[in-house]
Amino acid sequence: MAEALYQFTDQERALYEKTPLPLLVMQVIDGEYHALLASDEYCKMVGSDRESMLEYLNHHSFGRVYPADVVRLATFSASAVKYPQCHLTYRLSIKGEYHSPLKADQD
């Protein structure tokens, strides 16, 4: 039987969503990541509303990545294990407009 996604109580969800820190709560089931919750501060940090950000994070493909960035992202992902720290900025579609909310560091 597959593990079920964690369910927050209304009180827990409100507490986590209003925390003054950028917070993203994920759960791994059968090796696949699932975004369960994003705080208001996380949404402000990435410039997105909560519903769009959770939808994006739970969409497991490059389908929403800006077309010119797909090859860069795929190449980077394949070679990133060679570097202790990395940096890549790419654009993704949120409600039909491209944004650059995700970033990883590289020296």
PDB file of N, CA and C in Angstrom:
ATOM      1  N   MET A   1       0.846  -1.186   0.000  1.00  0.00           N
ATOM      2  CA  MET A   1       0.000   0.000   0.000  1.00  0.00           C
ATOM      3  C   MET A   1       0.889   1.246   0.000  1.00  0.00           C
ATOM      4  N   ALA A   2       0.584   2.190  -0.855  1.00  0.00           N
ATOM      5  CA  ALA A   2       1.367   3.426  -0.962  1.00  0.00           C
ATOM      6  C   ALA A   2       1.113   4.320   0.253  1.00  0.00           C
ATOM      7  N   GLU A   3       2.172   4.989   0.671  1.00  0.00           N
ATOM      8  CA  GLU A   3       2.067   5.922   1.781  1.00  0.00           C
ATOM      9  C   GLU A   3       1.192   7.107   1.380  1.00  0.00           C
ATOM     10  N   ALA A   4       0.394   7.617   2.306  1.00  0.00           N
ATOM     11  CA  ALA A   4      -0.493   8.747   2.029  1.00  0.00           C
ATOM     12  C   ALA A   4       0.217  10.063   2.344  1.00  0.00           C
ATOM     13  N   LEU A   5      -0.201  11.121   1.667  1.00  0.00           N
ATOM     14  CA  LEU A   5       0.333  12.445   1.957  1.00  0.00           C
ATOM     15  C   LEU A   5      -0.097  12.878   3.357  1.00  0.00           C
ATOM     16  N   TYR A   6       0.827  13.510   4.073  1.00  0.00           N
ATOM     17  CA  TYR A   6       0.536  13.994   5.420  1.00  0.00           C
ATOM     18  C   TYR A   6      -0.571  15.037   5.356  1.00  0.00           C
ATOM     19  N   GLN A   7      -1.477  14.991   6.286  1.00  0.00           N
ATOM     20  CA  GLN A   7      -2.573  15.961   6.358  1.00  0.00           C
ATOM     21  C   GLN A   7      -2.394  16.839   7.601  1.00  0.00           C
ATOM     22  N   PHE A   8      -2.267  18.127   7.395  1.00  0.00           N
ATOM     23  CA  PHE A   8      -2.152  19.085   8.490  1.00  0.00           C
ATOM     24  C   PHE A   8      -3.526  19.379   9.059  1.00  0.00           C
ATOM     25  N   THR A   9      -3.585  19.624  10.374  1.00  0.00           N
ATOM     26  CA  THR A   9      -4.822  20.148  10.944  1.00  0.00           C
ATOM     27  C   THR A   9      -4.936  21.605  10.494  1.00  0.00           C
ATOM     28  N   ASP A  10      -6.106  22.193  10.599  1.00  0.00           N
ATOM     29  CA  ASP A  10      -6.276  23.603  10.222  1.00  0.00           C
ATOM     30  C   ASP A  10      -5.357  24.500  11.044  1.00  0.00           C
ATOM     31  N   GLN A  11      -5.213  24.180  12.336  1.00  0.00           N
ATOM     32  CA  GLN A  11      -4.361  24.973  13.224  1.00  0.00           C
ATOM     33  C   GLN A  11      -2.890  24.851  12.815  1.00  0.00           C
ATOM     34  N   GLU A  12      -2.427  23.634  12.527  1.00  0.00           N
ATOM     35  CA  GLU A  12      -1.040  23.435  12.086  1.00  0.00           C
ATOM     36  C   GLU A  12      -0.767  24.188  10.783  1.00  0.00           C
ATOM     37  N   ARG A  13      -1.677  24.048   9.835  1.00  0.00           N
ATOM     38  CA  ARG A  13      -1.497  24.692   8.531  1.00  0.00           C
ATOM     39  C   ARG A  13      -1.405  26.209   8.700  1.00  0.00           C
ATOM     40  N   ALA A  14      -2.300  26.792   9.475  1.00  0.00           N
ATOM     41  CA  ALA A  14      -2.279  28.240   9.684  1.00  0.00           C
ATOM     42  C   ALA A  14      -0.980  28.685  10.341  1.00  0.00           C
ATOM     43  N   LEU A  15      -0.499  27.929  11.316  1.00  0.00           N
ATOM     44  CA  LEU A  15       0.741  28.258  12.009  1.00  0.00           C
ATOM     45  C   LEU A  15       1.930  28.237  11.046  1.00  0.00           C
ATOM     46  N   TYR A  16       2.057  27.171  10.264  1.00  0.00           N
ATOM     47  CA  TYR A  16       3.160  27.047   9.313  1.00  0.00           C
ATOM     48  C   TYR A  16       3.072  28.101   8.201  1.00  0.00           C
ATOM     49  N   GLU A  17       1.881  28.352   7.693  1.00  0.00           N
ATOM     50  CA  GLU A  17       1.743  29.314   6.598  1.00  0.00           C
ATOM     51  C   GLU A  17       2.062  30.735   7.045  1.00  0.00           C
ATOM     52  N   LYS A  18       1.852  31.050   8.304  1.00  0.00           N
ATOM     53  CA  LYS A  18       2.088  32.405   8.816  1.00  0.00           C
ATOM     54  C   LYS A  18       3.448  32.577   9.477  1.00  0.00           C
ATOM     55  N   THR A  19       4.287  31.542   9.485  1.00  0.00           N
ATOM     56  CA  THR A  19       5.604  31.663  10.099  1.00  0.00           C
ATOM     57  C   THR A  19       6.378  32.801   9.428  1.00  0.00           C
ATOM     58  N   PRO A  20       7.197  33.535  10.172  1.00  0.00           N
ATOM     59  CA  PRO A  20       7.929  34.659   9.581  1.00  0.00           C
ATOM     60  C   PRO A  20       9.144  34.241   8.749  1.00  0.00           C
ATOM     61  N   LEU A  21       9.299  32.943   8.499  1.00  0.00           N
ATOM     62  CA  LEU A  21      10.424  32.429   7.711  1.00  0.00           C
ATOM     63  C   LEU A  21       9.925  31.843   6.400  1.00  0.00           C
ATOM     64  N   PRO A  22      10.754  31.899   5.345  1.00  0.00           N
ATOM     65  CA  PRO A  22      10.391  31.189   4.121  1.00  0.00           C
ATOM     66  C   PRO A  22      10.454  29.687   4.402  1.00  0.00           C
ATOM     67  N   LEU A  23       9.336  29.011   4.360  1.00  0.00           N
ATOM     68  CA  LEU A  23       9.251  27.609   4.745  1.00  0.00           C
ATOM     69  C   LEU A  23       8.528  26.826   3.660  1.00  0.00           C
ATOM     70  N   LEU A  24       9.127  25.709   3.270  1.00  0.00           N
ATOM     71  CA  LEU A  24       8.514  24.797   2.316  1.00  0.00           C
ATOM     72  C   LEU A  24       8.553  23.421   2.957  1.00  0.00           C
ATOM     73  N   VAL A  25       7.399  22.761   3.071  1.00  0.00           N
ATOM     74  CA  VAL A  25       7.326  21.432   3.669  1.00  0.00           C
ATOM     75  C   VAL A  25       7.096  20.426   2.545  1.00  0.00           C
ATOM     76  N   MET A  26       8.022  19.455   2.477  1.00  0.00           N
ATOM     77  CA  MET A  26       7.974  18.433   1.436  1.00  0.00           C
ATOM     78  C   MET A  26       7.829  17.061   2.089  1.00  0.00           C
ATOM     79  N   GLN A  27       7.305  16.100   1.335  1.00  0.00           N
ATOM     80  CA  GLN A  27       7.229  14.714   1.772  1.00  0.00           C
ATOM     81  C   GLN A  27       7.695  13.844   0.604  1.00  0.00           C
ATOM     82  N   VAL A  28       8.495  12.825   0.907  1.00  0.00           N
ATOM     83  CA  VAL A  28       8.961  11.895  -0.119  1.00  0.00           C
ATOM     84  C   VAL A  28       8.159  10.610   0.003  1.00  0.00           C
ATOM     85  N   ILE A  29       7.534  10.233  -1.104  1.00  0.00           N
ATOM     86  CA  ILE A  29       6.779   8.979  -1.163  1.00  0.00           C
ATOM     87  C   ILE A  29       7.265   8.220  -2.386  1.00  0.00           C
ATOM     88  N   ASP A  30       7.727   6.997  -2.172  1.00  0.00           N
ATOM     89  CA  ASP A  30       8.232   6.156  -3.260  1.00  0.00           C
ATOM     90  C   ASP A  30       9.266   6.891  -4.102  1.00  0.00           C
ATOM     91  N   GLY A  31      10.142   7.662  -3.442  1.00  0.00           N
ATOM     92  CA  GLY A  31      11.214   8.361  -4.128  1.00  0.00           C
ATOM     93  C   GLY A  31      10.793   9.619  -4.854  1.00  0.00           C
ATOM     94  N   GLU A  32       9.554  10.021  -4.762  1.00  0.00           N
ATOM     95  CA  GLU A  32       9.057  11.213  -5.435  1.00  0.00           C
ATOM     96  C   GLU A  32       8.715  12.282  -4.401  1.00  0.00           C
ATOM     97  N   TYR A  33       9.170  13.526  -4.664  1.00  0.00           N
ATOM     98  CA  TYR A  33       8.927  14.636  -3.749  1.00  0.00           C
ATOM     99  C   TYR A  33       7.553  15.237  -3.979  1.00  0.00           C
ATOM    100  N   HIS A  34       6.893  15.593  -2.869  1.00  0.00           N
ATOM    101  CA  HIS A  34       5.582  16.240  -2.923  1.00  0.00           C
ATOM    102  C   HIS A  34       5.629  17.479  -2.029  1.00  0.00           C
ATOM    103  N   ALA A  35       5.294  18.624  -2.600  1.00  0.00           N
ATOM    104  CA  ALA A  35       5.225  19.862  -1.820  1.00  0.00           C
ATOM    105  C   ALA A  35       3.874  19.881  -1.109  1.00  0.00           C
ATOM    106  N   LEU A  36       3.921  19.974   0.216  1.00  0.00           N
ATOM    107  CA  LEU A  36       2.691  19.942   1.006  1.00  0.00           C
ATOM    108  C   LEU A  36       2.245  21.327   1.447  1.00  0.00           C
ATOM    109  N   LEU A  37       3.201  22.203   1.689  1.00  0.00           N
ATOM    110  CA  LEU A  37       2.868  23.487   2.294  1.00  0.00           C
ATOM    111  C   LEU A  37       3.955  24.510   1.969  1.00  0.00           C
ATOM    112  N   ALA A  38       3.557  25.747   1.716  1.00  0.00           N
ATOM    113  CA  ALA A  38       4.495  26.851   1.519  1.00  0.00           C
ATOM    114  C   ALA A  38       4.024  28.010   2.383  1.00  0.00           C
ATOM    115  N   SER A  39       4.953  28.588   3.143  1.00  0.00           N
ATOM    116  CA  SER A  39       4.586  29.712   4.006  1.00  0.00           C
ATOM    117  C   SER A  39       4.389  30.983   3.176  1.00  0.00           C
ATOM    118  N   ASP A  40       3.725  31.962   3.769  1.00  0.00           N
ATOM    119  CA  ASP A  40       3.539  33.251   3.101  1.00  0.00           C
ATOM    120  C   ASP A  40       4.882  33.858   2.721  1.00  0.00           C
ATOM    121  N   GLU A  41       5.867  33.747   3.619  1.00  0.00           N
ATOM    122  CA  GLU A  41       7.191  34.322   3.360  1.00  0.00           C
ATOM    123  C   GLU A  41       7.899  33.611   2.213  1.00  0.00           C
ATOM    124  N   TYR A  42       7.696  32.300   2.082  1.00  0.00           N
ATOM    125  CA  TYR A  42       8.270  31.577   0.944  1.00  0.00           C
ATOM    126  C   TYR A  42       7.652  32.097  -0.352  1.00  0.00           C
ATOM    127  N   CYS A  43       6.341  32.260  -0.355  1.00  0.00           N
ATOM    128  CA  CYS A  43       5.650  32.750  -1.548  1.00  0.00           C
ATOM    129  C   CYS A  43       6.111  34.156  -1.913  1.00  0.00           C
ATOM    130  N   LYS A  44       6.311  35.018  -0.912  1.00  0.00           N
ATOM    131  CA  LYS A  44       6.841  36.359  -1.180  1.00  0.00           C
ATOM    132  C   LYS A  44       8.244  36.273  -1.765  1.00  0.00           C
ATOM    133  N   MET A  45       9.074  35.381  -1.213  1.00  0.00           N
ATOM    134  CA  MET A  45      10.456  35.241  -1.654  1.00  0.00           C
ATOM    135  C   MET A  45      10.532  34.850  -3.131  1.00  0.00           C
ATOM    136  N   VAL A  46       9.651  33.953  -3.584  1.00  0.00           N
ATOM    137  CA  VAL A  46       9.694  33.504  -4.968  1.00  0.00           C
ATOM    138  C   VAL A  46       8.748  34.294  -5.871  1.00  0.00           C
ATOM    139  N   GLY A  47       8.000  35.233  -5.310  1.00  0.00           N
ATOM    140  CA  GLY A  47       7.122  36.081  -6.114  1.00  0.00           C
ATOM    141  C   GLY A  47       5.949  35.348  -6.723  1.00  0.00           C
ATOM    142  N   SER A  48       5.323  34.482  -5.946  1.00  0.00           N
ATOM    143  CA  SER A  48       4.206  33.692  -6.457  1.00  0.00           C
ATOM    144  C   SER A  48       3.136  33.541  -5.392  1.00  0.00           C
ATOM    145  N   ASP A  49       1.928  33.235  -5.844  1.00  0.00           N
ATOM    146  CA  ASP A  49       0.891  32.891  -4.875  1.00  0.00           C
ATOM    147  C   ASP A  49       1.068  31.425  -4.485  1.00  0.00           C
ATOM    148  N   ARG A  50       0.539  31.044  -3.351  1.00  0.00           N
ATOM    149  CA  ARG A  50       0.727  29.701  -2.784  1.00  0.00           C
ATOM    150  C   ARG A  50       0.211  28.609  -3.730  1.00  0.00           C
ATOM    151  N   GLU A  51      -0.987  28.764  -4.238  1.00  0.00           N
ATOM    152  CA  GLU A  51      -1.585  27.735  -5.093  1.00  0.00           C
ATOM    153  C   GLU A  51      -0.722  27.481  -6.336  1.00  0.00           C
ATOM    154  N   SER A  52      -0.268  28.549  -6.994  1.00  0.00           N
ATOM    155  CA  SER A  52       0.568  28.384  -8.196  1.00  0.00           C
ATOM    156  C   SER A  52       1.907  27.748  -7.864  1.00  0.00           C
ATOM    157  N   MET A  53       2.502  28.146  -6.742  1.00  0.00           N
ATOM    158  CA  MET A  53       3.809  27.599  -6.380  1.00  0.00           C
ATOM    159  C   MET A  53       3.702  26.116  -6.040  1.00  0.00           C
ATOM    160  N   LEU A  54       2.694  25.714  -5.272  1.00  0.00           N
ATOM    161  CA  LEU A  54       2.532  24.303  -4.941  1.00  0.00           C
ATOM    162  C   LEU A  54       2.220  23.487  -6.197  1.00  0.00           C
ATOM    163  N   GLU A  55       1.417  24.047  -7.096  1.00  0.00           N
ATOM    164  CA  GLU A  55       1.133  23.365  -8.357  1.00  0.00           C
ATOM    165  C   GLU A  55       2.423  23.181  -9.153  1.00  0.00           C
ATOM    166  N   TYR A  56       3.237  24.227  -9.232  1.00  0.00           N
ATOM    167  CA  TYR A  56       4.511  24.127  -9.953  1.00  0.00           C
ATOM    168  C   TYR A  56       5.415  23.067  -9.316  1.00  0.00           C
ATOM    169  N   LEU A  57       5.574  23.130  -8.004  1.00  0.00           N
ATOM    170  CA  LEU A  57       6.484  22.207  -7.325  1.00  0.00           C
ATOM    171  C   LEU A  57       6.031  20.754  -7.442  1.00  0.00           C
ATOM    172  N   ASN A  58       4.749  20.544  -7.614  1.00  0.00           N
ATOM    173  CA  ASN A  58       4.232  19.182  -7.750  1.00  0.00           C
ATOM    174  C   ASN A  58       4.080  18.746  -9.202  1.00  0.00           C
ATOM    175  N   HIS A  59       4.518  19.587 -10.122  1.00  0.00           N
ATOM    176  CA  HIS A  59       4.501  19.255 -11.548  1.00  0.00           C
ATOM    177  C   HIS A  59       5.890  18.744 -11.900  1.00  0.00           C
ATOM    178  N   HIS A  60       6.041  17.456 -12.119  1.00  0.00           N
ATOM    179  CA  HIS A  60       7.350  16.820 -12.235  1.00  0.00           C
ATOM    180  C   HIS A  60       7.841  16.710 -13.673  1.00  0.00           C
ATOM    181  N   SER A  61       8.022  17.858 -14.324  1.00  0.00           N
ATOM    182  CA  SER A  61       8.586  17.845 -15.672  1.00  0.00           C
ATOM    183  C   SER A  61       9.134  19.225 -16.000  1.00  0.00           C
ATOM    184  N   PHE A  62       9.767  19.343 -17.163  1.00  0.00           N
ATOM    185  CA  PHE A  62      10.287  20.629 -17.623  1.00  0.00           C
ATOM    186  C   PHE A  62       9.227  21.387 -18.423  1.00  0.00           C
ATOM    187  N   GLY A  63       7.989  20.939 -18.433  1.00  0.00           N
ATOM    188  CA  GLY A  63       6.939  21.519 -19.264  1.00  0.00           C
ATOM    189  C   GLY A  63       6.677  22.999 -19.032  1.00  0.00           C
ATOM    190  N   ARG A  64       6.989  23.511 -17.844  1.00  0.00           N
ATOM    191  CA  ARG A  64       6.719  24.914 -17.550  1.00  0.00           C
ATOM    192  C   ARG A  64       7.984  25.759 -17.579  1.00  0.00           C
ATOM    193  N   VAL A  65       9.106  25.150 -17.945  1.00  0.00           N
ATOM    194  CA  VAL A  65      10.372  25.887 -18.037  1.00  0.00           C
ATOM    195  C   VAL A  65      10.410  26.623 -19.366  1.00  0.00           C
ATOM    196  N   TYR A  66      10.943  27.846 -19.354  1.00  0.00           N
ATOM    197  CA  TYR A  66      11.080  28.648 -20.565  1.00  0.00           C
ATOM    198  C   TYR A  66      11.823  27.817 -21.608  1.00  0.00           C
ATOM    199  N   PRO A  67      11.308  27.711 -22.832  1.00  0.00           N
ATOM    200  CA  PRO A  67      11.886  26.805 -23.831  1.00  0.00           C
ATOM    201  C   PRO A  67      13.402  26.931 -24.026  1.00  0.00           C
ATOM    202  N   ALA A  68      13.935  28.144 -24.035  1.00  0.00           N
ATOM    203  CA  ALA A  68      15.379  28.319 -24.234  1.00  0.00           C
ATOM    204  C   ALA A  68      16.187  27.824 -23.035  1.00  0.00           C
ATOM    205  N   ASP A  69      15.549  27.624 -21.890  1.00  0.00           N
ATOM    206  CA  ASP A  69      16.253  27.199 -20.680  1.00  0.00           C
ATOM    207  C   ASP A  69      16.215  25.685 -20.459  1.00  0.00           C
ATOM    208  N   VAL A  70      15.386  24.955 -21.194  1.00  0.00           N
ATOM    209  CA  VAL A  70      15.229  23.520 -20.962  1.00  0.00           C
ATOM    210  C   VAL A  70      16.548  22.781 -21.146  1.00  0.00           C
ATOM    211  N   VAL A  71      17.263  23.028 -22.239  1.00  0.00           N
ATOM    212  CA  VAL A  71      18.526  22.341 -22.485  1.00  0.00           C
ATOM    213  C   VAL A  71      19.545  22.716 -21.415  1.00  0.00           C
ATOM    214  N   ARG A  72      19.614  24.004 -21.039  1.00  0.00           N
ATOM    215  CA  ARG A  72      20.532  24.444 -19.984  1.00  0.00           C
ATOM    216  C   ARG A  72      20.237  23.708 -18.684  1.00  0.00           C
ATOM    217  N   LEU A  73      18.962  23.609 -18.331  1.00  0.00           N
ATOM    218  CA  LEU A  73      18.564  22.968 -17.079  1.00  0.00           C
ATOM    219  C   LEU A  73      18.868  21.469 -17.106  1.00  0.00           C
ATOM    220  N   ALA A  74      18.575  20.806 -18.203  1.00  0.00           N
ATOM    221  CA  ALA A  74      18.842  19.373 -18.307  1.00  0.00           C
ATOM    222  C   ALA A  74      20.344  19.094 -18.253  1.00  0.00           C
ATOM    223  N   THR A  75      21.146  19.895 -18.968  1.00  0.00           N
ATOM    224  CA  THR A  75      22.600  19.727 -18.972  1.00  0.00           C
ATOM    225  C   THR A  75      23.166  19.974 -17.585  1.00  0.00           C
ATOM    226  N   PHE A  76      22.707  21.043 -16.951  1.00  0.00           N
ATOM    227  CA  PHE A  76      23.145  21.388 -15.602  1.00  0.00           C
ATOM    228  C   PHE A  76      22.800  20.256 -14.626  1.00  0.00           C
ATOM    229  N   SER A  77      21.563  19.753 -14.689  1.00  0.00           N
ATOM    230  CA  SER A  77      21.129  18.699 -13.775  1.00  0.00           C
ATOM    231  C   SER A  77      21.995  17.459 -13.907  1.00  0.00           C
ATOM    232  N   ALA A  78      22.350  17.110 -15.131  1.00  0.00           N
ATOM    233  CA  ALA A  78      23.166  15.919 -15.367  1.00  0.00           C
ATOM    234  C   ALA A  78      24.585  16.071 -14.838  1.00  0.00           C
ATOM    235  N   SER A  79      25.115  17.307 -14.847  1.00  0.00           N
ATOM    236  CA  SER A  79      26.506  17.502 -14.432  1.00  0.00           C
ATOM    237  C   SER A  79      26.653  18.073 -13.021  1.00  0.00           C
ATOM    238  N   ALA A  80      25.566  18.445 -12.375  1.00  0.00           N
ATOM    239  CA  ALA A  80      25.626  19.115 -11.074  1.00  0.00           C
ATOM    240  C   ALA A  80      26.268  18.259  -9.986  1.00  0.00           C
ATOM    241  N   VAL A  81      26.181  16.950 -10.103  1.00  0.00           N
ATOM    242  CA  VAL A  81      26.758  16.081  -9.071  1.00  0.00           C
ATOM    243  C   VAL A  81      28.278  16.204  -8.983  1.00  0.00           C
ATOM    244  N   LYS A  82      28.911  16.753 -10.010  1.00  0.00           N
ATOM    245  CA  LYS A  82      30.368  16.905 -10.023  1.00  0.00           C
ATOM    246  C   LYS A  82      30.843  18.101  -9.198  1.00  0.00           C
ATOM    247  N   TYR A  83      29.937  18.998  -8.861  1.00  0.00           N
ATOM    248  CA  TYR A  83      30.314  20.247  -8.199  1.00  0.00           C
ATOM    249  C   TYR A  83      29.716  20.321  -6.793  1.00  0.00           C
ATOM    250  N   PRO A  84      30.524  20.712  -5.784  1.00  0.00           N
ATOM    251  CA  PRO A  84      29.978  20.804  -4.422  1.00  0.00           C
ATOM    252  C   PRO A  84      28.945  21.922  -4.295  1.00  0.00           C
ATOM    253  N   GLN A  85      29.128  23.006  -5.062  1.00  0.00           N
ATOM    254  CA  GLN A  85      28.163  24.104  -5.063  1.00  0.00           C
ATOM    255  C   GLN A  85      27.908  24.503  -6.511  1.00  0.00           C
ATOM    256  N   CYS A  86      26.679  24.797  -6.833  1.00  0.00           N
ATOM    257  CA  CYS A  86      26.315  25.113  -8.209  1.00  0.00           C
ATOM    258  C   CYS A  86      25.408  26.334  -8.252  1.00  0.00           C
ATOM    259  N   HIS A  87      25.261  26.920  -9.443  1.00  0.00           N
ATOM    260  CA  HIS A  87      24.387  28.074  -9.620  1.00  0.00           C
ATOM    261  C   HIS A  87      23.700  27.984 -10.975  1.00  0.00           C
ATOM    262  N   LEU A  88      22.401  28.073 -10.962  1.00  0.00           N
ATOM    263  CA  LEU A  88      21.637  28.101 -12.198  1.00  0.00           C
ATOM    264  C   LEU A  88      20.352  28.864 -11.929  1.00  0.00           C
ATOM    265  N   THR A  89      20.047  29.798 -12.784  1.00  0.00           N
ATOM    266  CA  THR A  89      18.782  30.506 -12.719  1.00  0.00           C
ATOM    267  C   THR A  89      18.037  30.201 -14.007  1.00  0.00           C
ATOM    268  N   TYR A  90      16.777  29.832 -13.896  1.00  0.00           N
ATOM    269  CA  TYR A  90      15.976  29.564 -15.087  1.00  0.00           C
ATOM    270  C   TYR A  90      14.582  30.136 -14.893  1.00  0.00           C
ATOM    271  N   ARG A  91      13.881  30.307 -15.993  1.00  0.00           N
ATOM    272  CA  ARG A  91      12.555  30.906 -15.975  1.00  0.00           C
ATOM    273  C   ARG A  91      11.488  29.826 -16.099  1.00  0.00           C
ATOM    274  N   LEU A  92      10.377  30.006 -15.359  1.00  0.00           N
ATOM    275  CA  LEU A  92       9.287  29.055 -15.434  1.00  0.00           C
ATOM    276  C   LEU A  92       7.976  29.805 -15.519  1.00  0.00           C
ATOM    277  N   SER A  93       6.995  29.130 -16.053  1.00  0.00           N
ATOM    278  CA  SER A  93       5.697  29.748 -16.276  1.00  0.00           C
ATOM    279  C   SER A  93       4.814  29.597 -15.042  1.00  0.00           C
ATOM    280  N   ILE A  94       4.319  30.723 -14.562  1.00  0.00           N
ATOM    281  CA  ILE A  94       3.336  30.746 -13.482  1.00  0.00           C
ATOM    282  C   ILE A  94       2.186  31.597 -13.984  1.00  0.00           C
ATOM    283  N   LYS A  95       1.045  30.970 -14.170  1.00  0.00           N
ATOM    284  CA  LYS A  95      -0.143  31.637 -14.707  1.00  0.00           C
ATOM    285  C   LYS A  95       0.154  32.332 -16.029  1.00  0.00           C
ATOM    286  N   GLY A  96       0.902  31.660 -16.904  1.00  0.00           N
ATOM    287  CA  GLY A  96       1.151  32.166 -18.245  1.00  0.00           C
ATOM    288  C   GLY A  96       2.264  33.183 -18.394  1.00  0.00           C
ATOM    289  N   GLU A  97       2.928  33.577 -17.299  1.00  0.00           N
ATOM    290  CA  GLU A  97       4.036  34.516 -17.365  1.00  0.00           C
ATOM    291  C   GLU A  97       5.287  33.840 -16.833  1.00  0.00           C
ATOM    292  N   TYR A  98       6.443  34.154 -17.444  1.00  0.00           N
ATOM    293  CA  TYR A  98       7.699  33.537 -17.021  1.00  0.00           C
ATOM    294  C   TYR A  98       8.356  34.316 -15.898  1.00  0.00           C
ATOM    295  N   HIS A  99       8.802  33.587 -14.864  1.00  0.00           N
ATOM    296  CA  HIS A  99       9.460  34.144 -13.682  1.00  0.00           C
ATOM    297  C   HIS A  99      10.725  33.341 -13.402  1.00  0.00           C
ATOM    298  N   SER A 100      11.630  33.892 -12.598  1.00  0.00           N
ATOM    299  CA  SER A 100      12.859  33.190 -12.188  1.00  0.00           C
ATOM    300  C   SER A 100      12.885  33.022 -10.684  1.00  0.00           C
ATOM    301  N   PRO A 101      11.983  32.224 -10.096  1.00  0.00           N
ATOM    302  CA  PRO A 101      11.926  32.116  -8.642  1.00  0.00           C
ATOM    303  C   PRO A 101      12.918  31.131  -8.026  1.00  0.00           C
ATOM    304  N   LEU A 102      13.425  30.175  -8.776  1.00  0.00           N
ATOM    305  CA  LEU A 102      14.274  29.147  -8.199  1.00  0.00           C
ATOM    306  C   LEU A 102      15.723  29.416  -8.533  1.00  0.00           C
ATOM    307  N   LYS A 103      16.594  29.205  -7.551  1.00  0.00           N
ATOM    308  CA  LYS A 103      18.013  29.496  -7.748  1.00  0.00           C
ATOM    309  C   LYS A 103      18.816  28.569  -6.862  1.00  0.00           C
ATOM    310  N   ALA A 104      19.935  28.067  -7.364  1.00  0.00           N
ATOM    311  CA  ALA A 104      20.871  27.271  -6.578  1.00  0.00           C
ATOM    312  C   ALA A 104      22.235  27.947  -6.703  1.00  0.00           C
ATOM    313  N   ASP A 105      23.070  27.882  -5.680  1.00  0.00           N
ATOM    314  CA  ASP A 105      24.369  28.568  -5.688  1.00  0.00           C
ATOM    315  C   ASP A 105      25.468  27.727  -6.300  1.00  0.00           C
ATOM    316  N   GLN A 106      26.431  28.407  -6.945  1.00  0.00           N
ATOM    317  CA  GLN A 106      27.626  27.765  -7.515  1.00  0.00           C
ATOM    318  C   GLN A 106      28.793  28.730  -7.364  1.00  0.00           C
ATOM    319  N   ASP A 107      29.970  28.214  -7.129  1.00  0.00           N
ATOM    320  CA  ASP A 107      31.170  29.038  -7.105  1.00  0.00           C
ATOM    321  C   ASP A 107      31.816  29.044  -8.461  1.00  0.00           C
TER     322      ASP A 107
END
